[in-house]
C-alpha atoms as a PDB file:
ATOM      1  CA  MET A   1      98.989 152.952  78.901  1.00  0.00           C
ATOM      2  CA  SER A   2      95.313 152.047  79.195  1.00  0.00           C
ATOM      3  CA  GLN A   3      95.937 148.834  77.260  1.00  0.00           C
ATOM      4  CA  VAL A   4      98.609 147.837  79.785  1.00  0.00           C
ATOM      5  CA  LYS A   5      96.177 148.447  82.635  1.00  0.00           C
ATOM      6  CA  SER A   6      93.445 146.458  80.929  1.00  0.00           C
ATOM      7  CA  ILE A   7      95.860 143.567  80.293  1.00  0.00           C
ATOM      8  CA  GLN A   8      96.960 143.647  83.922  1.00  0.00           C
ATOM      9  CA  ALA A   9      93.324 143.741  85.042  1.00  0.00           C
ATOM     10  CA  LEU A  10      92.538 140.736  82.839  1.00  0.00           C
ATOM     11  CA  GLN A  11      95.540 138.862  84.216  1.00  0.00           C
ATOM     12  CA  LYS A  12      94.423 139.620  87.759  1.00  0.00           C
ATOM     13  CA  GLU A  13      90.873 138.421  87.003  1.00  0.00           C
ATOM     14  CA  GLY A  14      92.302 135.269  85.442  1.00  0.00           C
ATOM     15  CA  GLN A  15      94.410 134.576  88.512  1.00  0.00           C
ATOM     16  CA  GLU A  16      91.375 135.109  90.759  1.00  0.00           C
ATOM     17  CA  GLU A  17      89.355 132.645  88.686  1.00  0.00           C
ATOM     18  CA  ILE A  18      92.174 130.106  88.851  1.00  0.00           C
ATOM     19  CA  GLY A  19      92.254 130.562  92.633  1.00  0.00           C
ATOM     20  CA  LYS A  20      88.498 129.974  92.858  1.00  0.00           C
ATOM     21  CA  LEU A  21      88.778 126.886  90.672  1.00  0.00           C
ATOM     22  CA  THR A  22      91.648 125.546  92.782  1.00  0.00           C
ATOM     23  CA  LYS A  23      89.607 125.995  95.961  1.00  0.00           C
ATOM     24  CA  LEU A  24      86.655 124.207  94.337  1.00  0.00           C
ATOM     25  CA  VAL A  25      88.840 121.288  93.269  1.00  0.00           C
ATOM     26  CA  GLN A  26      90.266 121.041  96.794  1.00  0.00           C
ATOM     27  CA  LYS A  27      86.764 120.979  98.305  1.00  0.00           C
ATOM     28  CA  ILE A  28      85.690 118.251  95.878  1.00  0.00           C
ATOM     29  CA  GLN A  29      88.794 116.192  96.683  1.00  0.00           C
ATOM     30  CA  LYS A  30      88.130 116.590 100.394  1.00  0.00           C
ATOM     31  CA  ALA A  31      84.496 115.487  99.983  1.00  0.00           C
ATOM     32  CA  ILE A  32      85.496 112.433  97.927  1.00  0.00           C
ATOM     33  CA  SER A  33      88.206 111.483 100.440  1.00  0.00           C
ATOM     34  CA  LYS A  34      85.773 111.840 103.340  1.00  0.00           C
ATOM     35  CA  GLU A  35      83.146 109.704 101.597  1.00  0.00           C
ATOM     36  CA  PHE A  36      85.733 107.047 100.744  1.00  0.00           C
ATOM     37  CA  LEU A  37      86.875 106.815 104.362  1.00  0.00           C
ATOM     38  CA  LEU A  38      83.273 106.642 105.563  1.00  0.00           C
ATOM     39  CA  ILE A  39      82.514 103.801 103.146  1.00  0.00           C
ATOM     40  CA  ILE A  40      85.591 101.900 104.352  1.00  0.00           C
ATOM     41  CA  GLY A  41      84.445 102.487 107.935  1.00  0.00           C
ATOM     42  CA  VAL A  42      80.946 101.221 107.157  1.00  0.00           C
ATOM     43  CA  LEU A  43      82.336  98.100 105.464  1.00  0.00           C
ATOM     44  CA  ILE A  44      84.501  97.325 108.498  1.00  0.00           C
ATOM     45  CA  PHE A  45      81.849  98.233 111.076  1.00  0.00           C
ATOM     46  CA  ALA A  46      79.280  95.992 109.345  1.00  0.00           C
ATOM     47  CA  ILE A  47      81.333  92.813 109.895  1.00  0.00           C
ATOM     48  CA  PRO A  48      80.615  92.388 113.631  1.00  0.00           C
ATOM     49  CA  ILE A  49      77.028  93.554 113.167  1.00  0.00           C
ATOM     50  CA  SER A  50      76.413  90.923 110.497  1.00  0.00           C
ATOM     51  CA  TYR A  51      78.048  88.270 112.662  1.00  0.00           C
ATOM     52  CA  PHE A  52      75.701  89.121 115.531  1.00  0.00           C
ATOM     53  CA  MET A  53      72.729  89.090 113.145  1.00  0.00           C
ATOM     54  CA  TYR A  54      73.770  85.635 111.974  1.00  0.00           C
ATOM     55  CA  LEU A  55      74.131  84.382 115.550  1.00  0.00           C
ATOM     56  CA  ILE A  56      70.738  85.810 116.510  1.00  0.00           C
ATOM     57  CA  LEU A  57      69.104  84.102 113.524  1.00  0.00           C
ATOM     58  CA  GLN A  58      70.805  80.866 114.464  1.00  0.00           C
ATOM     59  CA  ASP A  59      69.584  81.086 118.074  1.00  0.00           C
ATOM     60  CA  LEU A  60      66.042  82.290 117.444  1.00  0.00           C
ATOM     61  CA  LEU A  61      65.101  80.047 114.544  1.00  0.00           C
ATOM     62  CA  THR A  62      64.459  76.361 114.924  1.00  0.00           C
ATOM     63  CA  LYS A  63      66.866  74.006 113.204  1.00  0.00           C
ATOM     64  CA  GLU A  64      64.301  73.256 110.488  1.00  0.00           C
ATOM     65  CA  ALA A  65      63.589  76.935 109.818  1.00  0.00           C
ATOM     66  CA  PHE A  66      67.305  77.779 109.798  1.00  0.00           C
ATOM     67  CA  ALA A  67      68.010  74.884 107.408  1.00  0.00           C
ATOM     68  CA  GLU A  68      65.197  76.098 105.127  1.00  0.00           C
ATOM     69  CA  LEU A  69      66.551  79.642 105.219  1.00  0.00           C
ATOM     70  CA  ALA A  70      70.038  78.344 104.436  1.00  0.00           C
ATOM     71  CA  ALA A  71      68.596  76.335 101.536  1.00  0.00           C
ATOM     72  CA  LEU A  72      66.895  79.475 100.164  1.00  0.00           C
ATOM     73  CA  THR A  73      70.197  81.305 100.259  1.00  0.00           C
ATOM     74  CA  GLU A  74      72.181  78.411  98.857  1.00  0.00           C
ATOM     75  CA  GLU A  75      74.028  80.373  96.157  1.00  0.00           C
ATOM     76  CA  VAL A  76      75.062  83.152  98.529  1.00  0.00           C
ATOM     77  CA  PRO A  77      75.729  82.200 102.161  1.00  0.00           C
ATOM     78  CA  LEU A  78      73.357  83.518 104.799  1.00  0.00           C
ATOM     79  CA  PHE A  79      76.205  85.411 106.459  1.00  0.00           C
ATOM     80  CA  MET A  80      76.739  87.429 103.267  1.00  0.00           C
ATOM     81  CA  TRP A  81      73.047  88.378 103.238  1.00  0.00           C
ATOM     82  CA  CYS A  82      73.419  89.531 106.833  1.00  0.00           C
ATOM     83  CA  TYR A  83      76.528  91.494 105.840  1.00  0.00           C
ATOM     84  CA  ALA A  84      74.707  93.175 102.952  1.00  0.00           C
ATOM     85  CA  LEU A  85      71.865  94.167 105.276  1.00  0.00           C
ATOM     86  CA  ALA A  86      74.318  95.490 107.863  1.00  0.00           C
ATOM     87  CA  VAL A  87      76.172  97.574 105.243  1.00  0.00           C
ATOM     88  CA  ALA A  88      72.908  98.981 103.910  1.00  0.00           C
ATOM     89  CA  GLY A  89      71.692  99.773 107.420  1.00  0.00           C
ATOM     90  CA  CYS A  90      74.940 101.443 108.492  1.00  0.00           C
ATOM     91  CA  TYR A  91      75.166 103.517 105.317  1.00  0.00           C
ATOM     92  CA  PHE A  92      71.510 104.518 105.551  1.00  0.00           C
ATOM     93  CA  SER A  93      72.050 105.557 109.176  1.00  0.00           C
ATOM     94  CA  ARG A  94      75.065 107.615 108.142  1.00  0.00           C
ATOM     95  CA  MET A  95      73.065 109.330 105.403  1.00  0.00           C
ATOM     96  CA  VAL A  96      70.244 110.168 107.833  1.00  0.00           C
ATOM     97  CA  PHE A  97      72.761 111.529 110.338  1.00  0.00           C
ATOM     98  CA  SER A  98      74.387 113.683 107.632  1.00  0.00           C
ATOM     99  CA  ALA A  99      70.996 115.001 106.523  1.00  0.00           C
ATOM    100  CA  ILE A 100      70.032 115.930 110.077  1.00  0.00           C
ATOM    101  CA  GLN A 101      73.424 117.527 110.626  1.00  0.00           C
ATOM    102  CA  SER A 102      73.181 119.637 107.464  1.00  0.00           C
ATOM    103  CA  LEU A 103      69.637 120.749 108.353  1.00  0.00           C
ATOM    104  CA  THR A 104      70.653 121.833 111.834  1.00  0.00           C
ATOM    105  CA  GLN A 105      73.719 123.695 110.546  1.00  0.00           C
ATOM    106  CA  LYS A 106      71.685 125.682 108.003  1.00  0.00           C
ATOM    107  CA  SER A 107      68.967 126.587 110.496  1.00  0.00           C
ATOM    108  CA  GLY A 108      71.574 127.679 113.059  1.00  0.00           C
ATOM    109  CA  GLU A 109      73.264 130.171 110.727  1.00  0.00           C
END
């Protein structure tokens, strides 16, 4: 009889561990999905920002300076450099916001 109880106890422990593992996998999937959506959002949000950066560079720089800058970035268009900077800036801002949010949540608990 004691062997039956010990087998049942082991089965129950195994089921509890499977439940914990399932919850962990679900949390990881949720985190990956959230990060993927945030990256897509950053990539989309960076398009108008880079366009405005490009327009500002075009307006502020003289024609000679803009032509020289365009010549320096001959292999990759200047707009793509602006886009890369906008993506990096948006993602960095998101990371800073997440860090501040996690710090305030931990201190509030």
